[in-house]
Amino acid sequence: MILQTLDNKEQDMDFEKIARDKHLNKTNCASSVYEAFQEINTNSTAAPLPRDEGGRCGAVLSAEKILREMEIGRTEEFAGKFIERYGSVMCEDLKGKNGISCNDYVGFAAVLLEKMIDESKEEGTLV
């Protein structure tokens, strides 16, 4: 039943667009990703603070928190894929480097998180 509810909510949502728009409208990176998924994350609490865990990117922190709250796990896999794409998860290494904006990190985090949620649904591991 929970999975069916997720499917209904998720089919009309563009998580990347929601996250990017929130970020462009002055919501911080962590809150932008976290709030974009709030409707489908029934265990949501509060967004982490950007750079809260040793200077890690807020978009990454939010995605990892959502993966834990939705009982999917795979946080190391998420971080690995983010590092594979951008070379780091540390804000100081990412911010303003190589012409890539924080909004791009927010967008990629949302896309990757949505993909991992979808994979978990397909595998039947999403509770």
C-alpha atoms as a PDB file:
ATOM      1  CA  MET A   1       0.000   0.000   0.000  1.00  0.00           C
ATOM      2  CA  ILE A   2       2.823   2.414   0.866  1.00  0.00           C
ATOM      3  CA  LEU A   3       4.516   1.612  -2.441  1.00  0.00           C
ATOM      4  CA  GLN A   4       1.316   2.312  -4.384  1.00  0.00           C
ATOM      5  CA  THR A   5       0.959   5.652  -2.576  1.00  0.00           C
ATOM      6  CA  LEU A   6       4.561   6.488  -3.476  1.00  0.00           C
ATOM      7  CA  ASP A   7       3.940   5.630  -7.124  1.00  0.00           C
ATOM      8  CA  ASN A   8       0.895   7.902  -7.289  1.00  0.00           C
ATOM      9  CA  LYS A   9       2.673  10.855  -5.688  1.00  0.00           C
ATOM     10  CA  GLU A  10       5.894  10.369  -7.577  1.00  0.00           C
ATOM     11  CA  GLN A  11       4.528  10.083 -11.109  1.00  0.00           C
ATOM     12  CA  ASP A  12       3.624  13.775 -11.324  1.00  0.00           C
ATOM     13  CA  MET A  13       6.749  15.087  -9.596  1.00  0.00           C
ATOM     14  CA  ASP A  14       9.931  16.355 -11.192  1.00  0.00           C
ATOM     15  CA  PHE A  15      12.266  16.163  -8.221  1.00  0.00           C
ATOM     16  CA  GLU A  16      15.207  17.727 -10.045  1.00  0.00           C
ATOM     17  CA  LYS A  17      13.135  20.736 -11.113  1.00  0.00           C
ATOM     18  CA  ILE A  18      11.637  21.163  -7.652  1.00  0.00           C
ATOM     19  CA  ALA A  19      15.068  21.010  -5.987  1.00  0.00           C
ATOM     20  CA  ARG A  20      16.703  23.341  -8.517  1.00  0.00           C
ATOM     21  CA  ASP A  21      13.845  25.865  -8.316  1.00  0.00           C
ATOM     22  CA  LYS A  22      13.983  25.921  -4.534  1.00  0.00           C
ATOM     23  CA  HIS A  23      17.731  26.483  -4.680  1.00  0.00           C
ATOM     24  CA  LEU A  24      17.382  29.272  -7.256  1.00  0.00           C
ATOM     25  CA  ASN A  25      14.833  30.894  -4.935  1.00  0.00           C
ATOM     26  CA  LYS A  26      17.424  31.166  -2.142  1.00  0.00           C
ATOM     27  CA  THR A  27      16.737  27.920  -0.276  1.00  0.00           C
ATOM     28  CA  ASN A  28      20.059  26.389   0.780  1.00  0.00           C
ATOM     29  CA  CYS A  29      21.376  23.320  -1.015  1.00  0.00           C
ATOM     30  CA  ALA A  30      20.534  20.860   1.755  1.00  0.00           C
ATOM     31  CA  SER A  31      16.976  22.098   2.236  1.00  0.00           C
ATOM     32  CA  SER A  32      16.378  22.258  -1.528  1.00  0.00           C
ATOM     33  CA  VAL A  33      17.022  18.543  -2.005  1.00  0.00           C
ATOM     34  CA  TYR A  34      15.363  17.517   1.253  1.00  0.00           C
ATOM     35  CA  GLU A  35      12.171  19.506   0.653  1.00  0.00           C
ATOM     36  CA  ALA A  36      11.855  18.277  -2.951  1.00  0.00           C
ATOM     37  CA  PHE A  37      11.366  14.718  -1.649  1.00  0.00           C
ATOM     38  CA  GLN A  38       9.310  15.526   1.436  1.00  0.00           C
ATOM     39  CA  GLU A  39       6.004  14.350  -0.045  1.00  0.00           C
ATOM     40  CA  ILE A  40       7.279  10.830  -0.668  1.00  0.00           C
ATOM     41  CA  ASN A  41       9.549  10.580   2.380  1.00  0.00           C
ATOM     42  CA  THR A  42       6.990   9.646   5.011  1.00  0.00           C
ATOM     43  CA  ASN A  43       9.721   9.486   7.669  1.00  0.00           C
ATOM     44  CA  SER A  44      11.058  12.986   7.029  1.00  0.00           C
ATOM     45  CA  THR A  45      12.218  15.042   9.971  1.00  0.00           C
ATOM     46  CA  ALA A  46      14.331  18.096   9.118  1.00  0.00           C
ATOM     47  CA  ALA A  47      16.940  18.865   6.503  1.00  0.00           C
ATOM     48  CA  PRO A  48      20.550  18.699   7.591  1.00  0.00           C
ATOM     49  CA  LEU A  49      22.589  21.883   7.603  1.00  0.00           C
ATOM     50  CA  PRO A  50      24.935  22.499   4.668  1.00  0.00           C
ATOM     51  CA  ARG A  51      28.523  21.473   5.476  1.00  0.00           C
ATOM     52  CA  ASP A  52      27.245  20.068   8.798  1.00  0.00           C
ATOM     53  CA  GLU A  53      29.269  16.859   8.731  1.00  0.00           C
ATOM     54  CA  GLY A  54      32.869  17.931   8.347  1.00  0.00           C
ATOM     55  CA  GLY A  55      32.219  20.234   5.409  1.00  0.00           C
ATOM     56  CA  ARG A  56      30.290  17.766   3.231  1.00  0.00           C
ATOM     57  CA  CYS A  57      28.045  19.145   0.473  1.00  0.00           C
ATOM     58  CA  GLY A  58      24.523  19.825   1.759  1.00  0.00           C
ATOM     59  CA  ALA A  59      22.875  18.261  -1.291  1.00  0.00           C
ATOM     60  CA  VAL A  60      24.761  15.027  -0.568  1.00  0.00           C
ATOM     61  CA  LEU A  61      23.922  15.148   3.149  1.00  0.00           C
ATOM     62  CA  SER A  62      20.210  15.525   2.368  1.00  0.00           C
ATOM     63  CA  ALA A  63      20.152  12.715  -0.168  1.00  0.00           C
ATOM     64  CA  GLU A  64      21.926  10.393   2.258  1.00  0.00           C
ATOM     65  CA  LYS A  65      19.530  11.345   5.059  1.00  0.00           C
ATOM     66  CA  ILE A  66      16.532  10.635   2.832  1.00  0.00           C
ATOM     67  CA  LEU A  67      17.996   7.242   1.866  1.00  0.00           C
ATOM     68  CA  ARG A  68      18.327   6.399   5.569  1.00  0.00           C
ATOM     69  CA  GLU A  69      14.874   7.719   6.484  1.00  0.00           C
ATOM     70  CA  MET A  70      13.218   5.776   3.665  1.00  0.00           C
ATOM     71  CA  GLU A  71      15.121   2.696   4.904  1.00  0.00           C
ATOM     72  CA  ILE A  72      16.858   2.235   1.554  1.00  0.00           C
ATOM     73  CA  GLY A  73      20.406   2.627   2.813  1.00  0.00           C
ATOM     74  CA  ARG A  74      22.948   2.762  -0.037  1.00  0.00           C
ATOM     75  CA  THR A  75      24.446   6.019   1.296  1.00  0.00           C
ATOM     76  CA  GLU A  76      27.998   4.912   0.470  1.00  0.00           C
ATOM     77  CA  GLU A  77      26.887   4.064  -3.050  1.00  0.00           C
ATOM     78  CA  PHE A  78      25.322   7.516  -3.406  1.00  0.00           C
ATOM     79  CA  ALA A  79      28.496   9.243  -2.200  1.00  0.00           C
ATOM     80  CA  GLY A  80      30.589   7.076  -4.509  1.00  0.00           C
ATOM     81  CA  LYS A  81      28.547   8.020  -7.561  1.00  0.00           C
ATOM     82  CA  PHE A  82      28.666  11.699  -6.608  1.00  0.00           C
ATOM     83  CA  ILE A  83      32.462  11.489  -6.218  1.00  0.00           C
ATOM     84  CA  GLU A  84      32.735   9.625  -9.515  1.00  0.00           C
ATOM     85  CA  ARG A  85      30.957  12.528 -11.216  1.00  0.00           C
ATOM     86  CA  TYR A  86      32.445  15.515  -9.372  1.00  0.00           C
ATOM     87  CA  GLY A  87      35.572  14.262  -7.638  1.00  0.00           C
ATOM     88  CA  SER A  88      34.493  15.020  -4.063  1.00  0.00           C
ATOM     89  CA  VAL A  89      31.604  15.412  -1.631  1.00  0.00           C
ATOM     90  CA  MET A  90      33.343  18.216   0.246  1.00  0.00           C
ATOM     91  CA  CYS A  91      31.797  21.648  -0.220  1.00  0.00           C
ATOM     92  CA  GLU A  92      35.141  23.446  -0.317  1.00  0.00           C
ATOM     93  CA  ASP A  93      36.307  21.168  -3.136  1.00  0.00           C
ATOM     94  CA  LEU A  94      33.095  21.668  -5.126  1.00  0.00           C
ATOM     95  CA  LYS A  95      31.940  25.237  -4.658  1.00  0.00           C
ATOM     96  CA  GLY A  96      32.848  27.439  -7.603  1.00  0.00           C
ATOM     97  CA  LYS A  97      35.167  24.861  -9.165  1.00  0.00           C
ATOM     98  CA  ASN A  98      35.289  23.933 -12.847  1.00  0.00           C
ATOM     99  CA  GLY A  99      32.398  26.254 -13.716  1.00  0.00           C
ATOM    100  CA  ILE A 100      29.904  23.977 -11.972  1.00  0.00           C
ATOM    101  CA  SER A 101      27.313  25.722  -9.837  1.00  0.00           C
ATOM    102  CA  CYS A 102      25.846  24.553  -6.555  1.00  0.00           C
ATOM    103  CA  ASN A 103      22.535  24.358  -8.400  1.00  0.00           C
ATOM    104  CA  ASP A 104      24.074  21.687 -10.635  1.00  0.00           C
ATOM    105  CA  TYR A 105      25.087  19.668  -7.561  1.00  0.00           C
ATOM    106  CA  VAL A 106      21.548  20.058  -6.191  1.00  0.00           C
ATOM    107  CA  GLY A 107      20.092  18.873  -9.508  1.00  0.00           C
ATOM    108  CA  PHE A 108      22.407  15.877  -9.797  1.00  0.00           C
ATOM    109  CA  ALA A 109      21.751  14.857  -6.193  1.00  0.00           C
ATOM    110  CA  ALA A 110      17.992  14.926  -6.873  1.00  0.00           C
ATOM    111  CA  VAL A 111      18.330  12.911 -10.095  1.00  0.00           C
ATOM    112  CA  LEU A 112      20.587  10.304  -8.494  1.00  0.00           C
ATOM    113  CA  LEU A 113      18.394  10.037  -5.398  1.00  0.00           C
ATOM    114  CA  GLU A 114      15.261   9.569  -7.501  1.00  0.00           C
ATOM    115  CA  LYS A 115      17.036   6.862  -9.515  1.00  0.00           C
ATOM    116  CA  MET A 116      18.055   5.029  -6.348  1.00  0.00           C
ATOM    117  CA  ILE A 117      14.516   5.245  -4.944  1.00  0.00           C
ATOM    118  CA  ASP A 118      13.131   3.887  -8.231  1.00  0.00           C
ATOM    119  CA  GLU A 119      15.664   1.032  -8.235  1.00  0.00           C
ATOM    120  CA  SER A 120      14.707   0.130  -4.669  1.00  0.00           C
ATOM    121  CA  LYS A 121      11.038   0.020  -5.665  1.00  0.00           C
ATOM    122  CA  GLU A 122      11.830  -2.228  -8.626  1.00  0.00           C
ATOM    123  CA  GLU A 123      13.954  -4.522  -6.454  1.00  0.00           C
ATOM    124  CA  GLY A 124      11.223  -4.664  -3.830  1.00  0.00           C
ATOM    125  CA  THR A 125      13.566  -3.376  -1.138  1.00  0.00           C
ATOM    126  CA  LEU A 126      11.618  -0.193  -0.424  1.00  0.00           C
ATOM    127  CA  VAL A 127       9.455  -0.730   2.624  1.00  0.00           C
END
